[in-house]
Amino acid sequence: MASDRYADFGRRLKGLMQDRSLTQLELAKNTGISQQSLSGWVRGEHIPKGRRLAVLAEYFDVPPRELCPEAYDQNAVNLA
């Protein structure tokens, strides 16, 4: 089920934020991604796609596929 995969990403993102003692607001300011988007991802309602996934992966210094394999499972990623 997609929502389970989205929840997995949300837990992964929340863990990365906790490891770095980041709030959603701080992450939003540091990446230029809206807090609304981040909130939906953390809650497991959505997953990042395209450039926003690339920005998060770069910020956390992890490969995009490792950060969000759910996006690749859906063939939904275009990092351009």
PDB file of N, CA and C in Angstrom:
ATOM      1  N   MET A   1       0.842  -1.186   0.000  1.00  0.00           N
ATOM      2  CA  MET A   1       0.000   0.000   0.000  1.00  0.00           C
ATOM      3  C   MET A   1       0.888   1.250   0.000  1.00  0.00           C
ATOM      4  N   ALA A   2       0.528   2.230  -0.818  1.00  0.00           N
ATOM      5  CA  ALA A   2       1.340   3.437  -0.967  1.00  0.00           C
ATOM      6  C   ALA A   2       1.496   4.177   0.351  1.00  0.00           C
ATOM      7  N   SER A   3       0.434   4.268   1.129  1.00  0.00           N
ATOM      8  CA  SER A   3       0.517   5.041   2.369  1.00  0.00           C
ATOM      9  C   SER A   3       1.524   4.435   3.350  1.00  0.00           C
ATOM     10  N   ASP A   4       1.691   3.093   3.325  1.00  0.00           N
ATOM     11  CA  ASP A   4       2.691   2.460   4.177  1.00  0.00           C
ATOM     12  C   ASP A   4       4.090   2.855   3.738  1.00  0.00           C
ATOM     13  N   ARG A   5       4.323   2.890   2.432  1.00  0.00           N
ATOM     14  CA  ARG A   5       5.629   3.305   1.916  1.00  0.00           C
ATOM     15  C   ARG A   5       5.871   4.775   2.231  1.00  0.00           C
ATOM     16  N   TYR A   6       4.832   5.575   2.133  1.00  0.00           N
ATOM     17  CA  TYR A   6       4.979   6.992   2.457  1.00  0.00           C
ATOM     18  C   TYR A   6       5.309   7.160   3.937  1.00  0.00           C
ATOM     19  N   ALA A   7       4.678   6.348   4.783  1.00  0.00           N
ATOM     20  CA  ALA A   7       4.956   6.401   6.220  1.00  0.00           C
ATOM     21  C   ALA A   7       6.401   5.999   6.497  1.00  0.00           C
ATOM     22  N   ASP A   8       6.913   5.024   5.747  1.00  0.00           N
ATOM     23  CA  ASP A   8       8.318   4.627   5.898  1.00  0.00           C
ATOM     24  C   ASP A   8       9.236   5.803   5.603  1.00  0.00           C
ATOM     25  N   PHE A   9       8.946   6.522   4.528  1.00  0.00           N
ATOM     26  CA  PHE A   9       9.760   7.693   4.213  1.00  0.00           C
ATOM     27  C   PHE A   9       9.643   8.736   5.320  1.00  0.00           C
ATOM     28  N   GLY A  10       8.431   8.945   5.819  1.00  0.00           N
ATOM     29  CA  GLY A  10       8.223   9.917   6.889  1.00  0.00           C
ATOM     30  C   GLY A  10       9.059   9.595   8.118  1.00  0.00           C
ATOM     31  N   ARG A  11       9.101   8.327   8.485  1.00  0.00           N
ATOM     32  CA  ARG A  11       9.931   7.917   9.634  1.00  0.00           C
ATOM     33  C   ARG A  11      11.413   8.143   9.346  1.00  0.00           C
ATOM     34  N   ARG A  12      11.824   7.839   8.127  1.00  0.00           N
ATOM     35  CA  ARG A  12      13.228   8.026   7.742  1.00  0.00           C
ATOM     36  C   ARG A  12      13.602   9.512   7.811  1.00  0.00           C
ATOM     37  N   LEU A  13      12.771  10.372   7.259  1.00  0.00           N
ATOM     38  CA  LEU A  13      13.038  11.813   7.276  1.00  0.00           C
ATOM     39  C   LEU A  13      13.042  12.345   8.702  1.00  0.00           C
ATOM     40  N   LYS A  14      12.069  11.930   9.479  1.00  0.00           N
ATOM     41  CA  LYS A  14      12.003  12.381  10.872  1.00  0.00           C
ATOM     42  C   LYS A  14      13.257  11.952  11.634  1.00  0.00           C
ATOM     43  N   GLY A  15      13.742  10.738  11.379  1.00  0.00           N
ATOM     44  CA  GLY A  15      14.954  10.259  12.030  1.00  0.00           C
ATOM     45  C   GLY A  15      16.170  11.091  11.658  1.00  0.00           C
ATOM     46  N   LEU A  16      16.287  11.431  10.380  1.00  0.00           N
ATOM     47  CA  LEU A  16      17.405  12.271   9.945  1.00  0.00           C
ATOM     48  C   LEU A  16      17.340  13.645  10.612  1.00  0.00           C
ATOM     49  N   MET A  17      16.147  14.172  10.716  1.00  0.00           N
ATOM     50  CA  MET A  17      15.978  15.480  11.359  1.00  0.00           C
ATOM     51  C   MET A  17      16.342  15.385  12.841  1.00  0.00           C
ATOM     52  N   GLN A  18      15.899  14.334  13.508  1.00  0.00           N
ATOM     53  CA  GLN A  18      16.200  14.171  14.930  1.00  0.00           C
ATOM     54  C   GLN A  18      17.701  13.982  15.157  1.00  0.00           C
ATOM     55  N   ASP A  19      18.357  13.223  14.275  1.00  0.00           N
ATOM     56  CA  ASP A  19      19.800  13.010  14.394  1.00  0.00           C
ATOM     57  C   ASP A  19      20.570  14.330  14.351  1.00  0.00           C
ATOM     58  N   ARG A  20      20.009  15.295  13.641  1.00  0.00           N
ATOM     59  CA  ARG A  20      20.666  16.597  13.481  1.00  0.00           C
ATOM     60  C   ARG A  20      19.998  17.693  14.318  1.00  0.00           C
ATOM     61  N   SER A  21      19.078  17.282  15.167  1.00  0.00           N
ATOM     62  CA  SER A  21      18.337  18.226  16.032  1.00  0.00           C
ATOM     63  C   SER A  21      17.713  19.359  15.222  1.00  0.00           C
ATOM     64  N   LEU A  22      17.072  19.000  14.107  1.00  0.00           N
ATOM     65  CA  LEU A  22      16.425  19.978  13.228  1.00  0.00           C
ATOM     66  C   LEU A  22      14.920  19.962  13.403  1.00  0.00           C
ATOM     67  N   THR A  23      14.330  21.124  13.402  1.00  0.00           N
ATOM     68  CA  THR A  23      12.881  21.234  13.341  1.00  0.00           C
ATOM     69  C   THR A  23      12.477  21.318  11.866  1.00  0.00           C
ATOM     70  N   GLN A  24      11.201  21.143  11.603  1.00  0.00           N
ATOM     71  CA  GLN A  24      10.719  21.310  10.234  1.00  0.00           C
ATOM     72  C   GLN A  24      10.981  22.722   9.746  1.00  0.00           C
ATOM     73  N   LEU A  25      10.796  23.700  10.612  1.00  0.00           N
ATOM     74  CA  LEU A  25      11.023  25.088  10.227  1.00  0.00           C
ATOM     75  C   LEU A  25      12.484  25.310   9.844  1.00  0.00           C
ATOM     76  N   GLU A  26      13.398  24.762  10.627  1.00  0.00           N
ATOM     77  CA  GLU A  26      14.827  24.920  10.312  1.00  0.00           C
ATOM     78  C   GLU A  26      15.179  24.235   8.996  1.00  0.00           C
ATOM     79  N   LEU A  27      14.644  23.036   8.798  1.00  0.00           N
ATOM     80  CA  LEU A  27      14.917  22.323   7.553  1.00  0.00           C
ATOM     81  C   LEU A  27      14.342  23.088   6.364  1.00  0.00           C
ATOM     82  N   ALA A  28      13.158  23.638   6.533  1.00  0.00           N
ATOM     83  CA  ALA A  28      12.547  24.436   5.474  1.00  0.00           C
ATOM     84  C   ALA A  28      13.433  25.640   5.123  1.00  0.00           C
ATOM     85  N   LYS A  29      13.907  26.338   6.126  1.00  0.00           N
ATOM     86  CA  LYS A  29      14.764  27.505   5.885  1.00  0.00           C
ATOM     87  C   LYS A  29      16.076  27.096   5.229  1.00  0.00           C
ATOM     88  N   ASN A  30      16.646  25.969   5.652  1.00  0.00           N
ATOM     89  CA  ASN A  30      17.939  25.531   5.135  1.00  0.00           C
ATOM     90  C   ASN A  30      17.878  24.977   3.714  1.00  0.00           C
ATOM     91  N   THR A  31      16.715  24.495   3.298  1.00  0.00           N
ATOM     92  CA  THR A  31      16.599  23.851   1.986  1.00  0.00           C
ATOM     93  C   THR A  31      15.759  24.635   0.990  1.00  0.00           C
ATOM     94  N   GLY A  32      14.950  25.561   1.479  1.00  0.00           N
ATOM     95  CA  GLY A  32      14.040  26.273   0.584  1.00  0.00           C
ATOM     96  C   GLY A  32      12.782  25.484   0.267  1.00  0.00           C
ATOM     97  N   ILE A  33      12.587  24.361   0.932  1.00  0.00           N
ATOM     98  CA  ILE A  33      11.385  23.543   0.763  1.00  0.00           C
ATOM     99  C   ILE A  33      10.352  24.030   1.764  1.00  0.00           C
ATOM    100  N   SER A  34       9.114  24.113   1.352  1.00  0.00           N
ATOM    101  CA  SER A  34       8.090  24.646   2.242  1.00  0.00           C
ATOM    102  C   SER A  34       7.881  23.749   3.457  1.00  0.00           C
ATOM    103  N   GLN A  35       7.556  24.384   4.560  1.00  0.00           N
ATOM    104  CA  GLN A  35       7.277  23.635   5.783  1.00  0.00           C
ATOM    105  C   GLN A  35       6.033  22.768   5.579  1.00  0.00           C
ATOM    106  N   GLN A  36       5.109  23.224   4.781  1.00  0.00           N
ATOM    107  CA  GLN A  36       3.900  22.459   4.495  1.00  0.00           C
ATOM    108  C   GLN A  36       4.253  21.133   3.805  1.00  0.00           C
ATOM    109  N   SER A  37       5.165  21.183   2.832  1.00  0.00           N
ATOM    110  CA  SER A  37       5.601  19.952   2.161  1.00  0.00           C
ATOM    111  C   SER A  37       6.298  19.023   3.144  1.00  0.00           C
ATOM    112  N   LEU A  38       7.214  19.573   3.915  1.00  0.00           N
ATOM    113  CA  LEU A  38       7.937  18.774   4.894  1.00  0.00           C
ATOM    114  C   LEU A  38       6.984  18.119   5.880  1.00  0.00           C
ATOM    115  N   SER A  39       5.998  18.853   6.334  1.00  0.00           N
ATOM    116  CA  SER A  39       5.025  18.323   7.287  1.00  0.00           C
ATOM    117  C   SER A  39       4.270  17.137   6.699  1.00  0.00           C
ATOM    118  N   GLY A  40       3.846  17.250   5.457  1.00  0.00           N
ATOM    119  CA  GLY A  40       3.137  16.150   4.797  1.00  0.00           C
ATOM    120  C   GLY A  40       4.012  14.925   4.629  1.00  0.00           C
ATOM    121  N   TRP A  41       5.289  15.152   4.345  1.00  0.00           N
ATOM    122  CA  TRP A  41       6.212  14.024   4.206  1.00  0.00           C
ATOM    123  C   TRP A  41       6.438  13.340   5.541  1.00  0.00           C
ATOM    124  N   VAL A  42       6.676  14.125   6.589  1.00  0.00           N
ATOM    125  CA  VAL A  42       6.914  13.554   7.919  1.00  0.00           C
ATOM    126  C   VAL A  42       5.691  12.764   8.394  1.00  0.00           C
ATOM    127  N   ARG A  43       4.500  13.253   8.081  1.00  0.00           N
ATOM    128  CA  ARG A  43       3.269  12.564   8.477  1.00  0.00           C
ATOM    129  C   ARG A  43       2.968  11.351   7.600  1.00  0.00           C
ATOM    130  N   GLY A  44       3.753  11.154   6.539  1.00  0.00           N
ATOM    131  CA  GLY A  44       3.545  10.007   5.662  1.00  0.00           C
ATOM    132  C   GLY A  44       2.396  10.179   4.696  1.00  0.00           C
ATOM    133  N   GLU A  45       2.045  11.414   4.396  1.00  0.00           N
ATOM    134  CA  GLU A  45       0.947  11.671   3.461  1.00  0.00           C
ATOM    135  C   GLU A  45       1.422  11.733   2.013  1.00  0.00           C
ATOM    136  N   HIS A  46       2.667  12.108   1.824  1.00  0.00           N
ATOM    137  CA  HIS A  46       3.245  12.292   0.498  1.00  0.00           C
ATOM    138  C   HIS A  46       4.714  11.908   0.559  1.00  0.00           C
ATOM    139  N   ILE A  47       5.338  11.826  -0.607  1.00  0.00           N
ATOM    140  CA  ILE A  47       6.786  11.665  -0.683  1.00  0.00           C
ATOM    141  C   ILE A  47       7.329  12.735  -1.631  1.00  0.00           C
ATOM    142  N   PRO A  48       8.576  13.114  -1.444  1.00  0.00           N
ATOM    143  CA  PRO A  48       9.142  14.134  -2.340  1.00  0.00           C
ATOM    144  C   PRO A  48       9.445  13.533  -3.701  1.00  0.00           C
ATOM    145  N   LYS A  49       9.392  14.363  -4.701  1.00  0.00           N
ATOM    146  CA  LYS A  49       9.711  13.951  -6.062  1.00  0.00           C
ATOM    147  C   LYS A  49      10.601  15.008  -6.691  1.00  0.00           C
ATOM    148  N   GLY A  50      11.265  14.616  -7.730  1.00  0.00           N
ATOM    149  CA  GLY A  50      12.031  15.548  -8.529  1.00  0.00           C
ATOM    150  C   GLY A  50      13.082  16.321  -7.758  1.00  0.00           C
ATOM    151  N   ARG A  51      13.110  17.592  -8.011  1.00  0.00           N
ATOM    152  CA  ARG A  51      14.151  18.454  -7.459  1.00  0.00           C
ATOM    153  C   ARG A  51      14.120  18.498  -5.931  1.00  0.00           C
ATOM    154  N   ARG A  52      12.936  18.442  -5.333  1.00  0.00           N
ATOM    155  CA  ARG A  52      12.874  18.506  -3.870  1.00  0.00           C
ATOM    156  C   ARG A  52      13.521  17.279  -3.229  1.00  0.00           C
ATOM    157  N   LEU A  53      13.394  16.124  -3.856  1.00  0.00           N
ATOM    158  CA  LEU A  53      14.077  14.938  -3.360  1.00  0.00           C
ATOM    159  C   LEU A  53      15.590  15.117  -3.474  1.00  0.00           C
ATOM    160  N   ALA A  54      16.038  15.665  -4.595  1.00  0.00           N
ATOM    161  CA  ALA A  54      17.469  15.901  -4.793  1.00  0.00           C
ATOM    162  C   ALA A  54      18.013  16.880  -3.758  1.00  0.00           C
ATOM    163  N   VAL A  55      17.249  17.915  -3.449  1.00  0.00           N
ATOM    164  CA  VAL A  55      17.671  18.909  -2.452  1.00  0.00           C
ATOM    165  C   VAL A  55      17.804  18.253  -1.080  1.00  0.00           C
ATOM    166  N   LEU A  56      16.833  17.455  -0.694  1.00  0.00           N
ATOM    167  CA  LEU A  56      16.902  16.765   0.605  1.00  0.00           C
ATOM    168  C   LEU A  56      18.083  15.807   0.667  1.00  0.00           C
ATOM    169  N   ALA A  57      18.267  15.037  -0.386  1.00  0.00           N
ATOM    170  CA  ALA A  57      19.366  14.075  -0.414  1.00  0.00           C
ATOM    171  C   ALA A  57      20.708  14.789  -0.289  1.00  0.00           C
ATOM    172  N   GLU A  58      20.851  15.880  -1.006  1.00  0.00           N
ATOM    173  CA  GLU A  58      22.095  16.650  -0.931  1.00  0.00           C
ATOM    174  C   GLU A  58      22.275  17.230   0.474  1.00  0.00           C
ATOM    175  N   TYR A  59      21.219  17.760   1.040  1.00  0.00           N
ATOM    176  CA  TYR A  59      21.297  18.359   2.374  1.00  0.00           C
ATOM    177  C   TYR A  59      21.731  17.330   3.419  1.00  0.00           C
ATOM    178  N   PHE A  60      21.153  16.139   3.354  1.00  0.00           N
ATOM    179  CA  PHE A  60      21.473  15.093   4.326  1.00  0.00           C
ATOM    180  C   PHE A  60      22.669  14.234   3.898  1.00  0.00           C
ATOM    181  N   ASP A  61      23.223  14.526   2.726  1.00  0.00           N
ATOM    182  CA  ASP A  61      24.392  13.831   2.208  1.00  0.00           C
ATOM    183  C   ASP A  61      24.158  12.322   2.092  1.00  0.00           C
ATOM    184  N   VAL A  62      23.039  11.983   1.478  1.00  0.00           N
ATOM    185  CA  VAL A  62      22.709  10.588   1.193  1.00  0.00           C
ATOM    186  C   VAL A  62      22.230  10.497  -0.255  1.00  0.00           C
ATOM    187  N   PRO A  63      22.392   9.347  -0.899  1.00  0.00           N
ATOM    188  CA  PRO A  63      21.880   9.189  -2.262  1.00  0.00           C
ATOM    189  C   PRO A  63      20.350   9.309  -2.278  1.00  0.00           C
ATOM    190  N   PRO A  64      19.791   9.944  -3.287  1.00  0.00           N
ATOM    191  CA  PRO A  64      18.331  10.074  -3.363  1.00  0.00           C
ATOM    192  C   PRO A  64      17.609   8.731  -3.257  1.00  0.00           C
ATOM    193  N   ARG A  65      18.144   7.713  -3.897  1.00  0.00           N
ATOM    194  CA  ARG A  65      17.501   6.396  -3.877  1.00  0.00           C
ATOM    195  C   ARG A  65      17.493   5.820  -2.464  1.00  0.00           C
ATOM    196  N   GLU A  66      18.533   6.087  -1.697  1.00  0.00           N
ATOM    197  CA  GLU A  66      18.586   5.608  -0.317  1.00  0.00           C
ATOM    198  C   GLU A  66      17.628   6.398   0.575  1.00  0.00           C
ATOM    199  N   LEU A  67      17.542   7.686   0.322  1.00  0.00           N
ATOM    200  CA  LEU A  67      16.659   8.535   1.118  1.00  0.00           C
ATOM    201  C   LEU A  67      15.195   8.192   0.880  1.00  0.00           C
ATOM    202  N   CYS A  68      14.850   7.965  -0.373  1.00  0.00           N
ATOM    203  CA  CYS A  68      13.439   7.744  -0.698  1.00  0.00           C
ATOM    204  C   CYS A  68      13.272   6.662  -1.766  1.00  0.00           C
ATOM    205  N   PRO A  69      13.521   5.396  -1.408  1.00  0.00           N
ATOM    206  CA  PRO A  69      13.330   4.334  -2.401  1.00  0.00           C
ATOM    207  C   PRO A  69      11.888   4.252  -2.885  1.00  0.00           C
ATOM    208  N   GLU A  70      10.953   4.746  -2.088  1.00  0.00           N
ATOM    209  CA  GLU A  70       9.533   4.720  -2.468  1.00  0.00           C
ATOM    210  C   GLU A  70       9.294   5.481  -3.761  1.00  0.00           C
ATOM    211  N   ALA A  71       9.998   6.573  -3.965  1.00  0.00           N
ATOM    212  CA  ALA A  71       9.824   7.362  -5.187  1.00  0.00           C
ATOM    213  C   ALA A  71      10.318   6.573  -6.393  1.00  0.00           C
ATOM    214  N   TYR A  72      11.393   5.830  -6.209  1.00  0.00           N
ATOM    215  CA  TYR A  72      11.926   5.036  -7.308  1.00  0.00           C
ATOM    216  C   TYR A  72      11.050   3.832  -7.599  1.00  0.00           C
ATOM    217  N   ASP A  73      10.425   3.290  -6.573  1.00  0.00           N
ATOM    218  CA  ASP A  73       9.516   2.161  -6.778  1.00  0.00           C
ATOM    219  C   ASP A  73       8.364   2.554  -7.681  1.00  0.00           C
ATOM    220  N   GLN A  74       8.016   3.816  -7.648  1.00  0.00           N
ATOM    221  CA  GLN A  74       6.900   4.310  -8.464  1.00  0.00           C
ATOM    222  C   GLN A  74       7.372   4.854  -9.800  1.00  0.00           C
ATOM    223  N   ASN A  75       8.673   4.783 -10.067  1.00  0.00           N
ATOM    224  CA  ASN A  75       9.232   5.385 -11.280  1.00  0.00           C
ATOM    225  C   ASN A  75       8.838   6.840 -11.401  1.00  0.00           C
ATOM    226  N   ALA A  76       8.832   7.540 -10.261  1.00  0.00           N
ATOM    227  CA  ALA A  76       8.315   8.898 -10.231  1.00  0.00           C
ATOM    228  C   ALA A  76       9.398   9.953 -10.139  1.00  0.00           C
ATOM    229  N   VAL A  77      10.669   9.571 -10.204  1.00  0.00           N
ATOM    230  CA  VAL A  77      11.726  10.524  -9.940  1.00  0.00           C
ATOM    231  C   VAL A  77      12.368  11.032 -11.214  1.00  0.00           C
ATOM    232  N   ASN A  78      12.414  12.324 -11.309  1.00  0.00           N
ATOM    233  CA  ASN A  78      13.177  13.018 -12.331  1.00  0.00           C
ATOM    234  C   ASN A  78      13.923  14.102 -11.600  1.00  0.00           C
ATOM    235  N   LEU A  79      15.223  13.935 -11.398  1.00  0.00           N
ATOM    236  CA  LEU A  79      15.986  14.868 -10.566  1.00  0.00           C
ATOM    237  C   LEU A  79      16.402  16.116 -11.322  1.00  0.00           C
ATOM    238  N   ALA A  80      16.010  16.243 -12.556  1.00  0.00           N
ATOM    239  CA  ALA A  80      16.387  17.436 -13.342  1.00  0.00           C
ATOM    240  C   ALA A  80      15.656  18.660 -12.861  1.00  0.00           C
TER     241      ALA A  80
END
